[in-house]
Amino acid sequence: MSYDLAVWEGDKPADNAIAREVFTQLYDRYIDTDEEFPPSPRIAEYVAALLARWVDLTEDEEDTSPWSTGPLIGEAAGPLIYFPMRYSMAEEASAYAAELAASMGLVCFDPQAGGLRPHPSQEARACVRVER
């Protein structure tokens, strides 16, 4: 069982319903297609930051990676990454991934909950630092 998140470039949707629509449009355009899109530079930077925290599944010799697929960058297409994580590590990994996305000016959407992450009440407290 896995837990999925979607992160994309763009303006933050006004509410969860609009976020769901934007996610569906991006998914249909970039993921649910035979056409391949390389990850955008910002999404590639986001993935690199995630992998600075947890190793890629393809390199995980100690069973510490939360990712369910590897390489993680393979889940990215254009301005979108839709990626699964192990359910047993989803709480910690999804919170970090959402806060990291917010700190980088990216949108994070939780398809299971049907909502934006971090939640607006948490967004003001997000304080993830990304070394560049």
N, C-alpha and C. Protein backbone atom coordinates (compact mmCIF):
# COMPACT_ATOMS: atom_id res chain seq x y z
N MET A 1 0.85 -1.17 0.00
CA MET A 1 0.00 0.00 0.00
C MET A 1 0.90 1.24 0.00
N SER A 2 0.51 2.22 -0.81
CA SER A 2 1.30 3.45 -0.86
C SER A 2 0.42 4.67 -0.64
N TYR A 3 1.10 5.77 -0.42
CA TYR A 3 0.45 7.06 -0.20
C TYR A 3 1.04 8.00 -1.24
N ASP A 4 0.21 8.69 -1.98
CA ASP A 4 0.67 9.51 -3.09
C ASP A 4 0.55 11.00 -2.82
N LEU A 5 1.47 11.75 -3.38
CA LEU A 5 1.41 13.21 -3.38
C LEU A 5 1.65 13.71 -4.79
N ALA A 6 1.11 14.87 -5.08
CA ALA A 6 1.37 15.56 -6.34
C ALA A 6 1.94 16.93 -6.01
N VAL A 7 2.99 17.29 -6.71
CA VAL A 7 3.62 18.61 -6.54
C VAL A 7 3.79 19.20 -7.93
N TRP A 8 3.43 20.48 -8.06
CA TRP A 8 3.57 21.11 -9.37
C TRP A 8 3.94 22.58 -9.26
N GLU A 9 4.40 23.09 -10.40
CA GLU A 9 4.71 24.51 -10.55
C GLU A 9 3.42 25.24 -10.89
N GLY A 10 3.30 26.44 -10.40
CA GLY A 10 2.14 27.26 -10.76
C GLY A 10 1.62 28.03 -9.58
N ASP A 11 0.61 28.83 -9.86
CA ASP A 11 -0.02 29.60 -8.80
C ASP A 11 -0.78 28.66 -7.87
N LYS A 12 -0.78 29.00 -6.61
CA LYS A 12 -1.51 28.19 -5.64
C LYS A 12 -3.01 28.35 -5.87
N PRO A 13 -3.73 27.25 -6.07
CA PRO A 13 -5.18 27.33 -6.25
C PRO A 13 -5.86 27.94 -5.03
N ALA A 14 -6.98 28.60 -5.27
CA ALA A 14 -7.70 29.30 -4.20
C ALA A 14 -8.31 28.35 -3.17
N ASP A 15 -8.65 27.14 -3.61
CA ASP A 15 -9.26 26.19 -2.67
C ASP A 15 -9.00 24.76 -3.15
N ASN A 16 -9.45 23.80 -2.36
CA ASN A 16 -9.20 22.39 -2.67
C ASN A 16 -9.90 21.93 -3.94
N ALA A 17 -11.09 22.45 -4.21
CA ALA A 17 -11.81 22.04 -5.42
C ALA A 17 -11.05 22.47 -6.67
N ILE A 18 -10.54 23.68 -6.66
CA ILE A 18 -9.76 24.16 -7.80
C ILE A 18 -8.45 23.38 -7.90
N ALA A 19 -7.84 23.10 -6.76
CA ALA A 19 -6.60 22.32 -6.76
C ALA A 19 -6.84 20.94 -7.38
N ARG A 20 -7.95 20.32 -7.05
CA ARG A 20 -8.29 19.01 -7.62
C ARG A 20 -8.42 19.10 -9.13
N GLU A 21 -9.08 20.17 -9.62
CA GLU A 21 -9.23 20.37 -11.07
C GLU A 21 -7.88 20.56 -11.74
N VAL A 22 -7.04 21.40 -11.15
CA VAL A 22 -5.71 21.65 -11.71
C VAL A 22 -4.90 20.36 -11.73
N PHE A 23 -4.94 19.61 -10.64
CA PHE A 23 -4.22 18.34 -10.59
C PHE A 23 -4.70 17.41 -11.69
N THR A 24 -6.00 17.28 -11.86
CA THR A 24 -6.55 16.39 -12.89
C THR A 24 -6.09 16.81 -14.27
N GLN A 25 -6.12 18.10 -14.55
CA GLN A 25 -5.67 18.60 -15.85
C GLN A 25 -4.19 18.30 -16.07
N LEU A 26 -3.37 18.57 -15.07
CA LEU A 26 -1.94 18.29 -15.19
C LEU A 26 -1.67 16.80 -15.33
N TYR A 27 -2.36 15.99 -14.55
CA TYR A 27 -2.19 14.55 -14.62
C TYR A 27 -2.53 14.04 -16.03
N ASP A 28 -3.67 14.49 -16.54
CA ASP A 28 -4.09 14.06 -17.88
C ASP A 28 -3.09 14.49 -18.94
N ARG A 29 -2.55 15.68 -18.80
CA ARG A 29 -1.63 16.24 -19.80
C ARG A 29 -0.24 15.61 -19.74
N TYR A 30 0.29 15.41 -18.54
CA TYR A 30 1.69 15.00 -18.40
C TYR A 30 1.93 13.56 -17.96
N ILE A 31 0.99 12.96 -17.27
CA ILE A 31 1.20 11.60 -16.74
C ILE A 31 0.43 10.56 -17.54
N ASP A 32 -0.84 10.78 -17.75
CA ASP A 32 -1.72 9.82 -18.41
C ASP A 32 -1.64 10.00 -19.93
N THR A 33 -0.44 9.84 -20.46
CA THR A 33 -0.21 10.04 -21.88
C THR A 33 0.96 9.18 -22.32
N ASP A 34 1.03 8.93 -23.61
CA ASP A 34 2.17 8.18 -24.15
C ASP A 34 3.36 9.10 -24.40
N GLU A 35 3.10 10.40 -24.46
CA GLU A 35 4.17 11.37 -24.69
C GLU A 35 5.02 11.51 -23.43
N GLU A 36 6.32 11.60 -23.61
CA GLU A 36 7.22 11.76 -22.46
C GLU A 36 7.65 13.21 -22.35
N PHE A 37 7.67 13.70 -21.12
CA PHE A 37 8.09 15.06 -20.83
C PHE A 37 9.21 15.01 -19.81
N PRO A 38 10.35 15.64 -20.10
CA PRO A 38 11.40 15.68 -19.07
C PRO A 38 10.95 16.57 -17.92
N PRO A 39 11.41 16.29 -16.71
CA PRO A 39 11.03 17.14 -15.58
C PRO A 39 11.56 18.56 -15.78
N SER A 40 10.77 19.52 -15.36
CA SER A 40 11.21 20.91 -15.43
C SER A 40 12.37 21.11 -14.45
N PRO A 41 13.17 22.14 -14.64
CA PRO A 41 14.28 22.39 -13.70
C PRO A 41 13.83 22.55 -12.25
N ARG A 42 12.71 23.21 -12.01
CA ARG A 42 12.24 23.40 -10.63
C ARG A 42 11.80 22.08 -10.00
N ILE A 43 11.15 21.24 -10.77
CA ILE A 43 10.74 19.93 -10.24
C ILE A 43 11.98 19.06 -10.01
N ALA A 44 12.95 19.12 -10.91
CA ALA A 44 14.19 18.37 -10.72
C ALA A 44 14.91 18.84 -9.45
N GLU A 45 14.89 20.14 -9.18
CA GLU A 45 15.50 20.68 -7.96
C GLU A 45 14.75 20.18 -6.72
N TYR A 46 13.43 20.12 -6.82
CA TYR A 46 12.61 19.61 -5.71
C TYR A 46 12.95 18.14 -5.42
N VAL A 47 13.04 17.34 -6.47
CA VAL A 47 13.38 15.93 -6.29
C VAL A 47 14.77 15.79 -5.68
N ALA A 48 15.71 16.58 -6.14
CA ALA A 48 17.07 16.54 -5.57
C ALA A 48 17.04 16.86 -4.08
N ALA A 49 16.21 17.82 -3.69
CA ALA A 49 16.10 18.18 -2.27
C ALA A 49 15.47 17.04 -1.47
N LEU A 50 14.47 16.37 -2.03
CA LEU A 50 13.89 15.20 -1.35
C LEU A 50 14.95 14.11 -1.17
N LEU A 51 15.74 13.91 -2.22
CA LEU A 51 16.76 12.85 -2.16
C LEU A 51 17.94 13.23 -1.28
N ALA A 52 18.08 14.50 -0.96
CA ALA A 52 19.09 14.91 0.01
C ALA A 52 18.66 14.50 1.42
N ARG A 53 17.36 14.35 1.60
CA ARG A 53 16.82 13.94 2.91
C ARG A 53 16.74 12.42 3.03
N TRP A 54 16.22 11.77 1.99
CA TRP A 54 16.10 10.31 1.96
C TRP A 54 16.65 9.80 0.64
N VAL A 55 17.40 8.74 0.70
CA VAL A 55 18.02 8.15 -0.47
C VAL A 55 16.96 7.64 -1.45
N ASP A 56 17.32 7.60 -2.72
CA ASP A 56 16.44 7.06 -3.74
C ASP A 56 16.25 5.56 -3.49
N LEU A 57 15.10 5.05 -3.82
CA LEU A 57 14.81 3.63 -3.61
C LEU A 57 15.83 2.75 -4.33
N THR A 58 16.32 3.20 -5.48
CA THR A 58 17.29 2.40 -6.24
C THR A 58 18.63 2.28 -5.53
N GLU A 59 18.88 3.13 -4.54
CA GLU A 59 20.15 3.11 -3.80
C GLU A 59 19.96 2.75 -2.32
N ASP A 60 18.76 2.33 -1.96
CA ASP A 60 18.42 2.08 -0.56
C ASP A 60 18.86 0.69 -0.12
N GLU A 61 19.99 0.63 0.55
CA GLU A 61 20.51 -0.65 1.03
C GLU A 61 20.11 -0.92 2.47
N GLU A 62 19.60 0.10 3.17
CA GLU A 62 19.27 -0.06 4.59
C GLU A 62 17.76 0.03 4.86
N ASP A 63 16.96 0.02 3.81
CA ASP A 63 15.50 0.08 3.93
C ASP A 63 15.04 1.31 4.70
N THR A 64 15.61 2.47 4.35
CA THR A 64 15.25 3.72 5.01
C THR A 64 14.50 4.69 4.11
N SER A 65 14.43 4.38 2.83
CA SER A 65 13.78 5.28 1.89
C SER A 65 12.26 5.17 1.99
N PRO A 66 11.56 6.30 2.00
CA PRO A 66 10.10 6.24 2.04
C PRO A 66 9.47 6.05 0.66
N TRP A 67 10.26 6.18 -0.39
CA TRP A 67 9.70 6.15 -1.75
C TRP A 67 9.32 4.73 -2.15
N SER A 68 8.22 4.62 -2.88
CA SER A 68 7.73 3.31 -3.32
C SER A 68 8.22 2.93 -4.70
N THR A 69 8.76 3.89 -5.44
CA THR A 69 9.30 3.63 -6.77
C THR A 69 10.63 4.33 -6.92
N GLY A 70 11.40 3.83 -7.83
CA GLY A 70 12.68 4.47 -8.09
C GLY A 70 13.09 4.25 -9.54
N PRO A 71 13.83 5.15 -10.10
CA PRO A 71 14.27 6.38 -9.46
C PRO A 71 13.12 7.37 -9.30
N LEU A 72 13.18 8.15 -8.25
CA LEU A 72 12.09 9.09 -7.94
C LEU A 72 11.88 10.09 -9.06
N ILE A 73 12.94 10.54 -9.69
CA ILE A 73 12.82 11.51 -10.78
C ILE A 73 12.00 10.94 -11.93
N GLY A 74 11.91 9.62 -12.02
CA GLY A 74 11.11 8.98 -13.07
C GLY A 74 9.62 9.23 -12.92
N GLU A 75 9.19 9.70 -11.76
CA GLU A 75 7.78 10.01 -11.53
C GLU A 75 7.43 11.43 -11.96
N ALA A 76 8.45 12.20 -12.36
CA ALA A 76 8.24 13.60 -12.76
C ALA A 76 8.03 13.71 -14.26
N ALA A 77 7.16 14.63 -14.64
CA ALA A 77 6.92 14.91 -16.05
C ALA A 77 6.58 16.39 -16.18
N GLY A 78 7.44 17.12 -16.88
CA GLY A 78 7.20 18.55 -17.03
C GLY A 78 7.16 19.23 -15.68
N PRO A 79 6.10 20.02 -15.44
CA PRO A 79 6.00 20.79 -14.20
C PRO A 79 5.34 20.02 -13.05
N LEU A 80 5.21 18.70 -13.19
CA LEU A 80 4.47 17.89 -12.22
C LEU A 80 5.28 16.67 -11.79
N ILE A 81 5.20 16.35 -10.51
CA ILE A 81 5.64 15.05 -10.04
C ILE A 81 4.50 14.47 -9.21
N TYR A 82 4.16 13.23 -9.53
CA TYR A 82 3.12 12.49 -8.81
C TYR A 82 3.80 11.23 -8.31
N PHE A 83 4.05 11.18 -7.00
CA PHE A 83 4.92 10.13 -6.50
C PHE A 83 4.34 9.40 -5.29
N PRO A 84 4.59 8.08 -5.26
CA PRO A 84 4.12 7.26 -4.14
C PRO A 84 5.19 7.09 -3.08
N MET A 85 4.74 6.96 -1.85
CA MET A 85 5.65 6.65 -0.75
C MET A 85 5.07 5.49 0.06
N ARG A 86 5.94 4.82 0.79
CA ARG A 86 5.49 3.70 1.60
C ARG A 86 4.53 4.21 2.66
N TYR A 87 3.44 3.51 2.81
CA TYR A 87 2.42 3.94 3.76
C TYR A 87 2.96 4.03 5.18
N SER A 88 3.87 3.13 5.52
CA SER A 88 4.42 3.11 6.88
C SER A 88 5.26 4.35 7.20
N MET A 89 5.71 5.06 6.18
CA MET A 89 6.53 6.26 6.38
C MET A 89 5.83 7.51 5.87
N ALA A 90 4.58 7.37 5.48
CA ALA A 90 3.87 8.46 4.80
C ALA A 90 3.68 9.70 5.66
N GLU A 91 3.42 9.53 6.93
CA GLU A 91 3.15 10.71 7.76
C GLU A 91 4.36 11.65 7.78
N GLU A 92 5.52 11.11 8.11
CA GLU A 92 6.73 11.94 8.17
C GLU A 92 7.15 12.43 6.79
N ALA A 93 7.19 11.52 5.82
CA ALA A 93 7.68 11.88 4.49
C ALA A 93 6.75 12.86 3.78
N SER A 94 5.44 12.66 3.91
CA SER A 94 4.52 13.57 3.22
C SER A 94 4.53 14.96 3.85
N ALA A 95 4.68 15.03 5.18
CA ALA A 95 4.76 16.33 5.84
C ALA A 95 6.01 17.08 5.37
N TYR A 96 7.13 16.38 5.32
CA TYR A 96 8.37 17.00 4.86
C TYR A 96 8.24 17.43 3.40
N ALA A 97 7.72 16.54 2.56
CA ALA A 97 7.59 16.84 1.13
C ALA A 97 6.68 18.04 0.90
N ALA A 98 5.60 18.15 1.66
CA ALA A 98 4.68 19.28 1.52
C ALA A 98 5.32 20.58 1.96
N GLU A 99 6.01 20.55 3.09
CA GLU A 99 6.67 21.76 3.58
C GLU A 99 7.80 22.19 2.66
N LEU A 100 8.53 21.22 2.13
CA LEU A 100 9.60 21.52 1.18
C LEU A 100 9.02 22.17 -0.07
N ALA A 101 7.93 21.61 -0.59
CA ALA A 101 7.29 22.20 -1.77
C ALA A 101 6.89 23.64 -1.50
N ALA A 102 6.27 23.89 -0.36
CA ALA A 102 5.85 25.26 -0.02
C ALA A 102 7.06 26.19 0.06
N SER A 103 8.15 25.71 0.64
CA SER A 103 9.34 26.55 0.78
C SER A 103 9.98 26.88 -0.57
N MET A 104 9.70 26.05 -1.57
CA MET A 104 10.25 26.26 -2.91
C MET A 104 9.26 26.94 -3.85
N GLY A 105 8.11 27.35 -3.31
CA GLY A 105 7.11 28.02 -4.13
C GLY A 105 6.35 27.08 -5.05
N LEU A 106 6.28 25.81 -4.69
CA LEU A 106 5.54 24.82 -5.47
C LEU A 106 4.23 24.49 -4.77
N VAL A 107 3.31 23.93 -5.51
CA VAL A 107 2.01 23.54 -4.99
C VAL A 107 2.06 22.06 -4.64
N CYS A 108 1.54 21.68 -3.48
CA CYS A 108 1.46 20.28 -3.07
C CYS A 108 0.00 19.92 -2.85
N PHE A 109 -0.42 18.82 -3.48
CA PHE A 109 -1.80 18.36 -3.39
C PHE A 109 -1.81 16.91 -2.94
N ASP A 110 -2.69 16.61 -2.00
CA ASP A 110 -2.86 15.27 -1.46
C ASP A 110 -4.11 14.65 -2.08
N PRO A 111 -3.95 13.74 -3.06
CA PRO A 111 -5.12 13.15 -3.71
C PRO A 111 -6.00 12.32 -2.77
N GLN A 112 -5.39 11.69 -1.76
CA GLN A 112 -6.18 10.89 -0.82
C GLN A 112 -7.14 11.77 -0.01
N ALA A 113 -6.65 12.89 0.47
CA ALA A 113 -7.47 13.81 1.27
C ALA A 113 -8.23 14.80 0.39
N GLY A 114 -7.82 14.91 -0.87
CA GLY A 114 -8.47 15.86 -1.77
C GLY A 114 -8.18 17.30 -1.42
N GLY A 115 -6.98 17.55 -0.86
CA GLY A 115 -6.69 18.90 -0.43
C GLY A 115 -5.25 19.32 -0.60
N LEU A 116 -5.05 20.62 -0.51
CA LEU A 116 -3.73 21.21 -0.57
C LEU A 116 -2.95 20.89 0.70
N ARG A 117 -1.63 20.79 0.56
CA ARG A 117 -0.74 20.62 1.70
C ARG A 117 0.42 21.57 1.53
N PRO A 118 1.03 22.07 2.59
CA PRO A 118 0.50 21.94 3.94
C PRO A 118 -0.83 22.66 4.04
N HIS A 119 -1.63 22.27 5.01
CA HIS A 119 -2.91 22.92 5.22
C HIS A 119 -2.65 24.38 5.54
N PRO A 120 -3.54 25.28 5.17
CA PRO A 120 -3.30 26.71 5.39
C PRO A 120 -2.85 27.06 6.81
N SER A 121 -3.38 26.39 7.81
CA SER A 121 -2.98 26.68 9.19
C SER A 121 -1.54 26.27 9.46
N GLN A 122 -1.06 25.29 8.71
CA GLN A 122 0.31 24.81 8.89
C GLN A 122 1.30 25.58 8.03
N GLU A 123 0.81 26.19 6.96
CA GLU A 123 1.70 26.81 5.99
C GLU A 123 2.55 27.92 6.61
N ALA A 124 1.98 28.67 7.50
CA ALA A 124 2.73 29.76 8.13
C ALA A 124 3.87 29.22 8.98
N ARG A 125 3.73 27.98 9.44
CA ARG A 125 4.77 27.39 10.29
C ARG A 125 5.82 26.62 9.50
N ALA A 126 5.59 26.44 8.20
CA ALA A 126 6.54 25.67 7.40
C ALA A 126 7.90 26.36 7.39
N CYS A 127 8.90 25.64 7.78
CA CYS A 127 10.22 26.27 7.87
C CYS A 127 11.30 25.29 7.42
N VAL A 128 11.18 24.79 6.21
CA VAL A 128 12.17 23.89 5.67
C VAL A 128 13.21 24.73 4.92
N ARG A 129 14.46 24.48 5.18
CA ARG A 129 15.52 25.22 4.48
C ARG A 129 16.07 24.33 3.37
N VAL A 130 16.26 24.93 2.22
CA VAL A 130 16.83 24.23 1.08
C VAL A 130 18.18 24.86 0.79
N GLU A 131 19.23 24.07 0.86
CA GLU A 131 20.55 24.59 0.54
C GLU A 131 20.73 24.53 -0.95
N ARG A 132 21.19 25.64 -1.50
CA ARG A 132 21.39 25.70 -2.96
C ARG A 132 22.85 25.87 -3.26
